[in-house]
Amino acid sequence: MSTDAQLVQIAVPGTAAMITAAEIDGAPMIALRPMCEAIGIAHQTQADKLRRRSWATVTPRVVVAADGKPREMLMIDRRTMTMWLATLDENRVSEEARPIVIAFQAEAADALDAYFHTGHAVNPRGNVSTFDILRAQIDQLEAAQRTADEAKAIAAKTEARLDAIEGRHDWYSALGYARLIGAPNTSAQHLKKIGTQASLIAKSRGIDPVKVPHALYGEVNSYPAWIWEIAFDGRTGGA
């Protein structure tokens, strides 16, 4: 592995902390551990998190430190740094680290670009930050994902509730099926006779009923829709 890459320290406007970077294969790469230490967050935790992200480029490289000695360090590219910093919540770090996180989020990418293009980092934009835009986009994506997850959860609960009411999909009580097909007679006496028919049909097919809640009787039997169709037609289940 090449050891030609020389680490440099890049000042970030708004903080005394530095970005430790090197030009590798013609592109700037940033050492992850020094950035984590500057921000006050656990390096290994962040490294593990980045390895799980599809957008992240994380690679160990041998670089030459300021003392002239080669060291293997975990490096990330500019895009990964930008995305990663934008996901950090300044409200979840220490009070001492908070202004550093904010400054890094606001200026790190521009300082990196300025150094490798002009040899020094400047802040021509004042407080305007591309990170604000990126962070907002990430927040929107996360909110959309939460909305999707909540919708799935609601659908699952609704499905479970329907299953509890009707036993399972396409299973109905006598009254439930009568209402489904718009039967003209839904009296208790009539539905009891239909229920007896349905019970005989189910028994002949080896199908056990599923109990479902009922407002008057506590529980009643439910059967598949095709059994009710036969029962309401007045048949007893013969082929």
Protein backbone atom coordinates (compact mmCIF):
# COMPACT_ATOMS: atom_id res chain seq x y z
CA MET A 1 0.00 0.00 0.00
CA SER A 2 1.39 3.43 -0.96
CA THR A 3 2.73 5.73 1.81
CA ASP A 4 3.14 8.81 -0.39
CA ALA A 5 0.07 10.60 0.97
CA GLN A 6 1.10 13.34 3.39
CA LEU A 7 -1.36 14.36 6.11
CA VAL A 8 -2.09 18.09 6.40
CA GLN A 9 -3.98 20.12 8.97
CA ILE A 10 -6.77 22.31 7.58
CA ALA A 11 -8.24 25.09 9.70
CA VAL A 12 -12.03 25.30 9.84
CA PRO A 13 -13.43 28.84 10.18
CA GLY A 14 -15.34 29.30 13.41
CA THR A 15 -13.38 26.72 15.42
CA ALA A 16 -9.85 26.02 16.57
CA ALA A 17 -10.27 22.37 15.52
CA MET A 18 -8.60 21.08 12.40
CA ILE A 19 -9.45 18.69 9.57
CA THR A 20 -6.71 16.11 9.08
CA ALA A 21 -6.63 15.26 5.38
CA ALA A 22 -4.44 13.96 2.59
CA GLU A 23 -4.59 13.93 -1.18
CA ILE A 24 -4.95 10.29 -2.25
CA ASP A 25 -5.24 9.27 -5.90
CA GLY A 26 -5.82 12.90 -6.81
CA ALA A 27 -8.71 13.45 -4.39
CA PRO A 28 -8.84 14.78 -0.83
CA MET A 29 -9.47 12.15 1.85
CA ILE A 30 -10.17 12.93 5.49
CA ALA A 31 -8.91 11.01 8.51
CA LEU A 32 -11.97 9.98 10.51
CA ARG A 33 -10.44 9.54 13.97
CA PRO A 34 -9.08 13.11 14.34
CA MET A 35 -12.45 14.55 13.24
CA CYS A 36 -14.29 12.42 15.79
CA GLU A 37 -11.85 13.45 18.50
CA ALA A 38 -12.25 17.12 17.58
CA ILE A 39 -16.03 16.84 17.77
CA GLY A 40 -15.94 14.75 20.92
CA ILE A 41 -17.67 11.61 19.64
CA ALA A 42 -16.61 7.95 19.65
CA HIS A 43 -14.50 7.09 16.61
CA GLN A 44 -15.32 3.37 16.51
CA THR A 45 -19.06 3.99 16.80
CA GLN A 46 -18.99 6.42 13.88
CA ALA A 47 -16.78 4.11 11.82
CA ASP A 48 -19.20 1.23 12.34
CA LYS A 49 -22.13 3.48 11.43
CA LEU A 50 -20.48 4.67 8.23
CA ARG A 51 -19.64 1.14 7.14
CA ARG A 52 -23.37 0.38 7.21
CA ARG A 53 -24.27 3.35 4.98
CA SER A 54 -24.54 2.75 1.24
CA TRP A 55 -23.41 6.28 0.45
CA ALA A 56 -20.25 6.13 2.56
CA THR A 57 -16.72 5.52 1.28
CA VAL A 58 -14.59 4.30 4.18
CA THR A 59 -11.16 2.85 3.55
CA PRO A 60 -7.98 2.20 5.58
CA ARG A 61 -4.95 3.92 4.03
CA VAL A 62 -1.31 4.30 5.03
CA VAL A 63 -0.51 8.01 5.32
CA VAL A 64 2.50 10.00 6.48
CA ALA A 65 1.91 11.95 9.69
CA ALA A 66 3.54 15.24 10.69
CA ASP A 67 6.37 13.36 12.42
CA GLY A 68 7.24 11.70 9.12
CA LYS A 69 6.13 8.25 10.23
CA PRO A 70 3.66 6.21 8.17
CA ARG A 71 0.45 5.20 9.90
CA GLU A 72 -2.65 3.34 8.80
CA MET A 73 -5.74 5.47 9.30
CA LEU A 74 -9.38 5.12 8.37
CA MET A 75 -10.09 7.67 5.64
CA ILE A 76 -13.35 9.00 4.18
CA ASP A 77 -13.91 11.02 1.03
CA ARG A 78 -15.42 14.49 0.81
CA ARG A 79 -18.92 13.26 -0.05
CA THR A 80 -18.93 10.90 2.91
CA MET A 81 -17.69 13.65 5.23
CA THR A 82 -20.40 16.01 4.02
CA MET A 83 -23.20 13.47 4.45
CA TRP A 84 -21.87 12.23 7.78
CA LEU A 85 -21.52 15.70 9.31
CA ALA A 86 -25.02 16.57 8.16
CA THR A 87 -26.44 13.59 10.09
CA LEU A 88 -24.85 14.66 13.38
CA ASP A 89 -27.22 16.28 15.86
CA GLU A 90 -25.51 19.15 17.65
CA ASN A 91 -28.01 18.76 20.48
CA ARG A 92 -26.74 15.27 21.27
CA VAL A 93 -23.10 16.17 21.91
CA SER A 94 -21.51 17.90 24.90
CA GLU A 95 -21.86 21.65 25.35
CA GLU A 96 -18.13 22.00 24.72
CA ALA A 97 -18.35 20.09 21.45
CA ARG A 98 -21.55 21.73 20.20
CA PRO A 99 -19.97 24.87 18.66
CA ILE A 100 -17.32 22.68 17.01
CA VAL A 101 -20.00 20.44 15.47
CA ILE A 102 -21.92 23.49 14.24
CA ALA A 103 -18.77 25.06 12.76
CA PHE A 104 -17.75 21.79 11.11
CA GLN A 105 -21.21 21.39 9.63
CA ALA A 106 -21.14 24.96 8.32
CA GLU A 107 -17.62 25.19 6.95
CA ALA A 108 -15.74 21.88 6.80
CA ALA A 109 -16.46 20.99 3.17
CA ASP A 110 -15.69 24.49 1.93
CA ALA A 111 -12.47 24.63 3.97
CA LEU A 112 -11.39 21.28 2.51
CA ASP A 113 -12.15 22.38 -1.04
CA ALA A 114 -10.45 25.75 -0.57
CA TYR A 115 -7.29 24.18 0.81
CA PHE A 116 -6.83 21.68 -1.98
CA HIS A 117 -7.67 24.25 -4.66
CA THR A 118 -5.97 27.39 -3.33
CA GLY A 119 -3.72 26.18 -0.52
CA HIS A 120 -5.66 27.92 2.26
CA ALA A 121 -9.16 27.95 3.71
CA VAL A 122 -11.29 31.10 3.63
CA ASN A 123 -14.89 31.87 4.54
CA PRO A 124 -16.36 34.16 1.88
CA ARG A 125 -19.96 33.22 2.64
CA GLY A 126 -20.36 34.39 6.21
CA ASN A 127 -22.95 32.22 7.95
CA VAL A 128 -24.52 30.75 4.79
CA SER A 129 -24.03 27.00 4.73
CA THR A 130 -24.66 24.27 2.20
CA PHE A 131 -24.91 21.93 5.18
CA ASP A 132 -28.14 23.64 6.20
CA ILE A 133 -29.65 22.61 2.87
CA LEU A 134 -28.26 19.07 3.06
CA ARG A 135 -29.36 18.67 6.66
CA ALA A 136 -32.87 19.79 5.75
CA GLN A 137 -32.97 17.27 2.90
CA ILE A 138 -31.85 14.48 5.22
CA ASP A 139 -34.44 15.52 7.80
CA GLN A 140 -37.11 15.37 5.08
CA LEU A 141 -35.97 11.89 4.02
CA GLU A 142 -35.99 10.68 7.63
CA ALA A 143 -39.44 12.22 8.19
CA ALA A 144 -40.72 10.52 5.04
CA GLN A 145 -39.32 7.20 6.25
CA ARG A 146 -40.96 7.68 9.65
CA THR A 147 -44.26 8.46 7.91
CA ALA A 148 -43.91 5.32 5.78
CA ASP A 149 -43.09 3.22 8.84
CA GLU A 150 -46.06 4.67 10.73
CA ALA A 151 -48.33 3.93 7.76
CA LYS A 152 -47.10 0.33 7.71
CA ALA A 153 -47.72 0.05 11.44
CA ILE A 154 -51.25 1.43 11.06
CA ALA A 155 -51.92 -0.99 8.21
CA ALA A 156 -50.65 -3.88 10.30
CA LYS A 157 -52.86 -2.86 13.23
CA THR A 158 -55.85 -2.47 10.92
CA GLU A 159 -55.21 -5.87 9.41
CA ALA A 160 -54.92 -7.40 12.86
CA ARG A 161 -58.16 -5.71 13.91
CA LEU A 162 -59.98 -7.01 10.85
CA ASP A 163 -58.61 -10.47 11.54
CA ALA A 164 -59.89 -10.23 15.10
CA ILE A 165 -63.32 -9.13 13.92
CA GLU A 166 -63.72 -11.62 11.11
CA GLY A 167 -61.35 -14.35 12.31
CA ARG A 168 -59.16 -14.00 9.21
CA HIS A 169 -59.34 -12.63 5.66
CA ASP A 170 -62.56 -13.55 3.83
CA TRP A 171 -64.06 -15.12 6.95
CA TYR A 172 -67.36 -13.70 8.15
CA SER A 173 -70.03 -14.15 10.72
CA ALA A 174 -73.56 -14.79 9.43
CA LEU A 175 -74.55 -11.16 9.92
CA GLY A 176 -71.25 -9.91 8.45
CA TYR A 177 -71.74 -11.92 5.26
CA ALA A 178 -75.43 -11.01 5.06
CA ARG A 179 -74.50 -7.34 5.12
CA LEU A 180 -71.71 -7.93 2.61
CA ILE A 181 -74.10 -9.37 0.01
CA GLY A 182 -77.01 -7.08 0.95
CA ALA A 183 -79.29 -9.96 2.06
CA PRO A 184 -82.87 -8.74 2.56
CA ASN A 185 -83.49 -10.82 5.70
CA THR A 186 -81.04 -10.32 8.57
CA SER A 187 -83.29 -11.36 11.42
CA ALA A 188 -81.70 -13.42 14.19
CA GLN A 189 -84.01 -16.37 13.52
CA HIS A 190 -83.17 -16.47 9.82
CA LEU A 191 -79.44 -16.07 10.37
CA LYS A 192 -79.50 -18.85 12.96
CA LYS A 193 -80.86 -21.23 10.33
CA ILE A 194 -78.24 -20.06 7.84
CA GLY A 195 -75.60 -20.55 10.55
CA THR A 196 -76.73 -24.15 11.05
CA GLN A 197 -76.39 -24.74 7.31
CA ALA A 198 -72.92 -23.20 7.33
CA SER A 199 -71.88 -25.37 10.28
CA LEU A 200 -72.93 -28.54 8.42
CA ILE A 201 -71.08 -27.46 5.28
CA ALA A 202 -67.92 -26.62 7.22
CA LYS A 203 -68.03 -29.88 9.18
CA SER A 204 -68.37 -31.90 5.98
CA ARG A 205 -65.23 -30.16 4.67
CA GLY A 206 -63.28 -30.59 7.91
CA ILE A 207 -63.24 -26.84 8.60
CA ASP A 208 -63.48 -25.59 12.18
CA PRO A 209 -65.20 -22.25 12.83
CA VAL A 210 -63.32 -19.27 14.24
CA LYS A 211 -64.94 -17.40 17.11
CA VAL A 212 -65.39 -13.64 16.64
CA PRO A 213 -66.83 -10.98 18.97
CA HIS A 214 -70.56 -10.22 18.84
CA ALA A 215 -72.37 -7.37 20.57
CA LEU A 216 -75.36 -9.49 21.71
CA TYR A 217 -74.06 -13.03 22.00
CA GLY A 218 -70.47 -12.39 23.07
CA GLU A 219 -69.03 -14.66 20.40
CA VAL A 220 -70.36 -16.25 17.21
CA ASN A 221 -68.87 -18.56 14.61
CA SER A 222 -67.25 -17.29 11.46
CA TYR A 223 -66.62 -19.25 8.27
CA PRO A 224 -65.04 -18.62 4.87
CA ALA A 225 -67.13 -16.60 2.42
CA TRP A 226 -67.58 -19.55 0.06
CA ILE A 227 -69.29 -21.55 2.83
CA TRP A 228 -71.73 -18.72 3.48
CA GLU A 229 -72.40 -18.46 -0.24
CA ILE A 230 -73.52 -22.11 -0.28
CA ALA A 231 -75.47 -21.74 2.95
CA PHE A 232 -77.33 -18.65 1.76
CA ASP A 233 -78.18 -20.47 -1.46
CA GLY A 234 -79.91 -23.13 0.67
CA ARG A 235 -77.50 -25.94 -0.08
CA THR A 236 -76.01 -28.27 2.53
CA GLY A 237 -72.57 -28.70 1.04
CA GLY A 238 -73.15 -31.59 -1.34
CA ALA A 239 -71.06 -31.58 -4.47
